[in-house]
Amino acid sequence: MCGQSTYMKRQAQIPMPFSILSRTFRKGEAVAWHTHAESQVIFAASGTIQVYTESGRWFVPPQLALWMPARIPHRVDMLSDTELRMIYWHPSALQKWAPERPLDCIFALVATPLLRELILSAFKDDIPFEKAELAVRLILHELIETPDIPVFLPMPTSTIGRRVADLALADSRMHLGVSDLAIRAATSIRTISRMFPVETGLTFKAWRQRARIALAIDQLSAGRTISQVAADVGFGSTAAFSFAFRQVMKMTPTAFLHHLPIPVAPPT
């Protein structure tokens, strides 16, 4: 049977080789750092979550799902009221059912209508086990059909790098230039320019842009308009915001909003 942490009460169980878990969370609640022996899909049927790993964080609105391989330490923060759905695959089942694509790293993907319905169908009270198993197996194949979405924000590993990142994240409207951030972090522009590619794989400019888009995703998912979000995350125009959003997300803000799902009621 899949491992179960004390912070969650299993709402439904399906015999091996997979299991499911759903829970309602309030904004600000969190699932503490943990690992499990199973791989899983993490999906917010409604609400937006932030998943932390040791290397950074993932912003996951209801338009996306997150694949989490086994034995990776992670934490889940609720950025809004959330209906969380999780499906766990036992290692033997994953080995038997998984398609050819490697599933040994974390990635986010668009929750297509098919993927969303497959996930939600596994949680129906009256679904036969055989049908649930087919849905869970199909989910693994749907994972390889949808391109990854770059909503991962790698965090610097050094003390100075973390200090710069925290200051930049707190400055969502981009009031502070890199020179201001360097002064406040007690470092230099040259150090920041050299440090971020080494510690995050991104230039500081690209890292900050991705951070702004991640914040924009959260606000768009909360129902704010594109023009409101563009101003809130520091863009001079809606057009500039849309261009930057498309560079990161591979879709426009309008297309992203069209993926917003109908809210799902908690399971009875």
Protein backbone atom coordinates (compact mmCIF):
# COMPACT_ATOMS: atom_id res chain seq x y z
CA MET A 1 0.00 0.00 0.00
CA CYS A 2 1.23 3.48 -0.76
CA GLY A 3 2.85 5.41 2.05
CA GLN A 4 0.66 7.87 3.91
CA SER A 5 1.81 10.91 5.87
CA THR A 6 0.10 11.94 9.09
CA TYR A 7 -0.85 15.35 7.70
CA MET A 8 -3.37 13.80 5.32
CA LYS A 9 -6.34 11.53 5.74
CA ARG A 10 -6.90 9.33 2.72
CA GLN A 11 -10.30 10.16 1.24
CA ALA A 12 -10.46 7.19 -1.07
CA GLN A 13 -8.41 4.06 -1.66
CA ILE A 14 -7.98 1.85 -4.66
CA PRO A 15 -6.04 -1.40 -4.26
CA MET A 16 -2.50 -1.62 -5.54
CA PRO A 17 -0.83 -0.82 -7.92
CA PHE A 18 -2.01 2.77 -7.48
CA SER A 19 -3.88 4.89 -4.96
CA ILE A 20 -5.55 8.28 -4.85
CA LEU A 21 -5.84 11.08 -2.34
CA SER A 22 -7.95 14.24 -2.26
CA ARG A 23 -8.15 17.03 0.27
CA THR A 24 -9.52 20.54 0.63
CA PHE A 25 -7.10 23.21 1.83
CA ARG A 26 -7.56 26.82 2.84
CA LYS A 27 -5.35 29.61 1.54
CA GLY A 28 -2.09 29.76 3.51
CA GLU A 29 -2.11 26.11 4.58
CA ALA A 30 0.78 23.87 3.65
CA VAL A 31 1.89 20.27 3.38
CA ALA A 32 5.24 20.03 5.18
CA TRP A 33 8.42 18.65 3.64
CA HIS A 34 8.06 14.95 2.89
CA THR A 35 8.96 12.18 0.47
CA HIS A 36 7.19 9.03 -0.61
CA ALA A 37 8.14 5.83 -2.37
CA GLU A 38 5.60 6.35 -5.14
CA SER A 39 5.62 8.70 -8.11
CA GLN A 40 2.64 11.01 -8.30
CA VAL A 41 0.65 13.56 -10.26
CA ILE A 42 -0.22 16.65 -8.23
CA PHE A 43 -3.25 18.50 -9.56
CA ALA A 44 -5.25 21.39 -8.12
CA ALA A 45 -8.80 20.89 -9.40
CA SER A 46 -9.30 24.47 -8.22
CA GLY A 47 -6.90 26.91 -6.62
CA THR A 48 -3.19 27.54 -7.10
CA ILE A 49 -0.35 25.77 -5.32
CA GLN A 50 3.38 26.30 -5.00
CA VAL A 51 5.53 23.20 -4.79
CA TYR A 52 9.00 23.57 -3.29
CA THR A 53 11.91 21.23 -3.92
CA GLU A 54 15.48 21.57 -2.72
CA SER A 55 16.43 23.34 -5.95
CA GLY A 56 13.54 25.76 -6.38
CA ARG A 57 9.80 26.08 -6.66
CA TRP A 58 7.00 25.34 -9.08
CA PHE A 59 3.88 27.48 -9.49
CA VAL A 60 0.94 25.22 -10.35
CA PRO A 61 -2.44 26.81 -11.15
CA PRO A 62 -5.45 24.66 -12.09
CA GLN A 63 -4.48 24.90 -15.77
CA LEU A 64 -1.42 22.75 -15.04
CA ALA A 65 -0.49 19.46 -13.43
CA LEU A 66 2.84 18.50 -11.88
CA TRP A 67 4.63 15.18 -12.19
CA MET A 68 6.61 14.35 -9.03
CA PRO A 69 8.92 11.30 -9.19
CA ALA A 70 9.40 9.11 -6.14
CA ARG A 71 11.75 9.98 -3.28
CA ILE A 72 12.13 13.68 -4.10
CA PRO A 73 11.67 15.84 -0.98
CA HIS A 74 8.99 18.48 -1.55
CA ARG A 75 6.61 20.85 0.20
CA VAL A 76 3.26 22.18 -1.02
CA ASP A 77 1.97 25.67 -0.16
CA MET A 78 -1.61 26.72 -0.91
CA LEU A 79 -1.70 30.15 -2.55
CA SER A 80 -5.51 30.09 -2.52
CA ASP A 81 -8.33 27.85 -1.36
CA THR A 82 -7.52 24.59 -3.09
CA GLU A 83 -9.10 21.28 -4.04
CA LEU A 84 -6.06 19.02 -4.31
CA ARG A 85 -6.06 15.73 -6.21
CA MET A 86 -3.12 13.32 -6.18
CA ILE A 87 -2.59 9.97 -7.84
CA TYR A 88 0.24 7.67 -6.75
CA TRP A 89 1.85 4.93 -8.83
CA HIS A 90 3.71 2.08 -7.13
CA PRO A 91 7.21 1.66 -8.65
CA SER A 92 6.35 -1.74 -10.13
CA ALA A 93 3.21 -0.36 -11.80
CA LEU A 94 5.11 2.63 -13.15
CA GLN A 95 7.74 0.36 -14.63
CA LYS A 96 5.06 -1.79 -16.26
CA TRP A 97 2.72 0.95 -17.50
CA ALA A 98 4.93 3.96 -18.21
CA PRO A 99 5.53 4.96 -21.85
CA GLU A 100 9.00 5.33 -23.26
CA ARG A 101 9.48 8.90 -22.08
CA PRO A 102 11.63 9.03 -18.93
CA LEU A 103 9.60 9.98 -15.87
CA ASP A 104 12.48 10.42 -13.45
CA CYS A 105 12.42 14.23 -13.26
CA ILE A 106 9.83 16.80 -12.18
CA PHE A 107 7.91 18.61 -14.88
CA ALA A 108 4.74 20.66 -15.27
CA LEU A 109 2.35 20.33 -18.18
CA VAL A 110 -0.93 21.78 -19.36
CA ALA A 111 -3.93 19.96 -17.93
CA THR A 112 -5.63 19.28 -21.25
CA PRO A 113 -9.37 18.54 -21.15
CA LEU A 114 -8.54 14.85 -21.55
CA LEU A 115 -5.92 14.81 -18.79
CA ARG A 116 -8.20 16.76 -16.46
CA GLU A 117 -11.12 14.39 -17.01
CA LEU A 118 -8.92 11.32 -16.59
CA ILE A 119 -7.68 12.62 -13.24
CA LEU A 120 -11.12 13.61 -11.99
CA SER A 121 -12.73 10.37 -13.14
CA ALA A 122 -10.40 8.37 -10.89
CA PHE A 123 -11.99 10.12 -7.90
CA LYS A 124 -15.62 9.31 -8.69
CA ASP A 125 -17.24 7.34 -5.90
CA ASP A 126 -18.95 4.86 -8.20
CA ILE A 127 -16.13 4.16 -10.65
CA PRO A 128 -15.27 0.44 -10.97
CA PHE A 129 -11.69 -0.48 -10.18
CA GLU A 130 -11.04 -1.73 -13.72
CA LYS A 131 -12.18 1.58 -15.21
CA ALA A 132 -10.14 3.57 -12.69
CA GLU A 133 -7.08 1.52 -13.58
CA LEU A 134 -7.56 2.28 -17.27
CA ALA A 135 -7.83 6.01 -16.48
CA VAL A 136 -4.67 5.94 -14.37
CA ARG A 137 -2.76 4.09 -17.08
CA LEU A 138 -3.93 6.55 -19.73
CA ILE A 139 -2.77 9.46 -17.56
CA LEU A 140 0.82 8.22 -17.89
CA HIS A 141 0.51 8.29 -21.67
CA GLU A 142 -1.12 11.71 -21.67
CA LEU A 143 1.94 13.02 -19.80
CA ILE A 144 4.11 12.48 -22.88
CA GLU A 145 1.66 14.14 -25.28
CA THR A 146 1.79 17.63 -23.78
CA PRO A 147 4.87 19.90 -23.82
CA ASP A 148 6.48 20.82 -20.53
CA ILE A 149 5.61 24.29 -19.19
CA PRO A 150 8.55 26.22 -17.66
CA VAL A 151 6.92 27.32 -14.40
CA PHE A 152 9.92 26.18 -12.36
CA LEU A 153 11.84 28.96 -10.66
CA PRO A 154 15.31 27.71 -9.68
CA MET A 155 16.64 29.32 -6.52
CA PRO A 156 20.28 30.29 -5.95
CA THR A 157 22.19 28.06 -3.56
CA SER A 158 24.53 30.59 -1.95
CA THR A 159 23.62 32.90 0.92
CA ILE A 160 24.17 36.01 -1.20
CA GLY A 161 22.25 34.55 -4.12
CA ARG A 162 19.28 33.73 -1.89
CA ARG A 163 19.38 37.23 -0.45
CA VAL A 164 19.24 38.76 -3.93
CA ALA A 165 16.45 36.38 -4.98
CA ASP A 166 14.35 37.16 -1.89
CA LEU A 167 14.73 40.90 -2.49
CA ALA A 168 13.79 40.53 -6.15
CA LEU A 169 10.74 38.39 -5.36
CA ALA A 170 9.54 40.95 -2.82
CA ASP A 171 9.87 43.67 -5.49
CA SER A 172 7.14 42.38 -7.80
CA ARG A 173 6.61 45.76 -9.52
CA MET A 174 10.30 45.98 -10.46
CA HIS A 175 10.90 49.25 -8.65
CA LEU A 176 14.46 48.17 -7.83
CA GLY A 177 17.10 47.90 -10.53
CA VAL A 178 19.92 45.39 -10.35
CA SER A 179 22.22 48.04 -8.86
CA ASP A 180 19.68 48.72 -6.07
CA LEU A 181 19.36 45.00 -5.38
CA ALA A 182 23.14 44.64 -5.27
CA ILE A 183 23.44 47.43 -2.71
CA ARG A 184 20.67 46.00 -0.50
CA ALA A 185 22.16 42.52 -0.70
CA ALA A 186 25.64 43.81 0.12
CA THR A 187 27.11 42.51 -3.12
CA SER A 188 27.93 43.79 -6.61
CA ILE A 189 26.27 43.75 -10.03
CA ARG A 190 29.19 41.73 -11.34
CA THR A 191 28.73 39.11 -8.64
CA ILE A 192 25.00 38.82 -9.38
CA SER A 193 25.68 38.53 -13.11
CA ARG A 194 28.22 35.78 -12.53
CA MET A 195 26.33 33.96 -9.76
CA PHE A 196 22.87 33.43 -11.24
CA PRO A 197 23.89 31.48 -14.38
CA VAL A 198 26.09 29.23 -12.25
CA GLU A 199 23.54 28.64 -9.47
CA THR A 200 20.25 28.72 -11.39
CA GLY A 201 21.11 28.09 -15.03
CA LEU A 202 19.52 31.44 -15.95
CA THR A 203 20.90 34.93 -16.30
CA PHE A 204 19.58 37.24 -13.60
CA LYS A 205 17.45 39.05 -16.20
CA ALA A 206 15.88 35.78 -17.40
CA TRP A 207 15.42 34.56 -13.81
CA ARG A 208 13.65 37.75 -12.79
CA GLN A 209 11.43 37.63 -15.86
CA ARG A 210 10.38 34.09 -15.03
CA ALA A 211 9.66 35.12 -11.44
CA ARG A 212 7.39 37.90 -12.65
CA ILE A 213 5.51 35.55 -14.98
CA ALA A 214 5.08 33.04 -12.15
CA LEU A 215 3.50 35.77 -10.04
CA ALA A 216 1.34 36.74 -13.00
CA ILE A 217 0.11 33.14 -13.33
CA ASP A 218 -1.07 33.22 -9.73
CA GLN A 219 -2.91 36.51 -10.24
CA LEU A 220 -4.51 35.48 -13.54
CA SER A 221 -5.72 32.27 -11.92
CA ALA A 222 -7.28 34.35 -9.14
CA GLY A 223 -9.45 36.17 -11.67
CA ARG A 224 -7.59 39.44 -12.23
CA THR A 225 -7.65 40.92 -15.72
CA ILE A 226 -4.65 40.85 -18.02
CA SER A 227 -4.23 44.64 -17.82
CA GLN A 228 -4.41 44.57 -14.01
CA VAL A 229 -1.82 41.80 -13.80
CA ALA A 230 0.48 43.51 -16.30
CA ALA A 231 0.55 46.62 -14.09
CA ASP A 232 0.87 44.66 -10.84
CA VAL A 233 3.97 42.77 -11.97
CA GLY A 234 5.67 45.85 -13.32
CA PHE A 235 5.15 45.87 -17.09
CA GLY A 236 4.74 49.20 -18.84
CA SER A 237 2.01 47.93 -21.17
CA THR A 238 -0.27 44.98 -21.74
CA ALA A 239 1.55 44.29 -25.01
CA ALA A 240 4.92 44.06 -23.27
CA PHE A 241 3.44 41.74 -20.66
CA SER A 242 1.84 39.51 -23.31
CA PHE A 243 5.15 39.25 -25.18
CA ALA A 244 7.06 38.28 -22.03
CA PHE A 245 4.33 35.85 -20.96
CA ARG A 246 4.45 34.10 -24.31
CA GLN A 247 8.23 33.81 -24.18
CA VAL A 248 8.02 31.91 -20.89
CA MET A 249 4.70 30.04 -21.15
CA LYS A 250 4.61 29.37 -24.93
CA MET A 251 1.08 30.79 -24.99
CA THR A 252 -0.50 34.21 -24.62
CA PRO A 253 -2.22 35.32 -21.39
CA THR A 254 -5.55 35.13 -23.25
CA ALA A 255 -4.91 31.52 -24.26
CA PHE A 256 -3.90 30.75 -20.69
CA LEU A 257 -7.16 32.19 -19.37
CA HIS A 258 -9.11 30.05 -21.83
CA HIS A 259 -7.65 27.00 -20.07
CA LEU A 260 -9.24 28.02 -16.77
CA PRO A 261 -11.38 25.08 -15.64
CA ILE A 262 -14.83 25.08 -14.12
CA PRO A 263 -14.45 24.91 -10.31
CA VAL A 264 -14.75 21.40 -8.92
CA ALA A 265 -16.79 20.70 -5.82
CA PRO A 266 -15.14 18.74 -2.99
CA PRO A 267 -15.81 14.98 -3.15
CA THR A 268 -18.59 13.77 -0.88
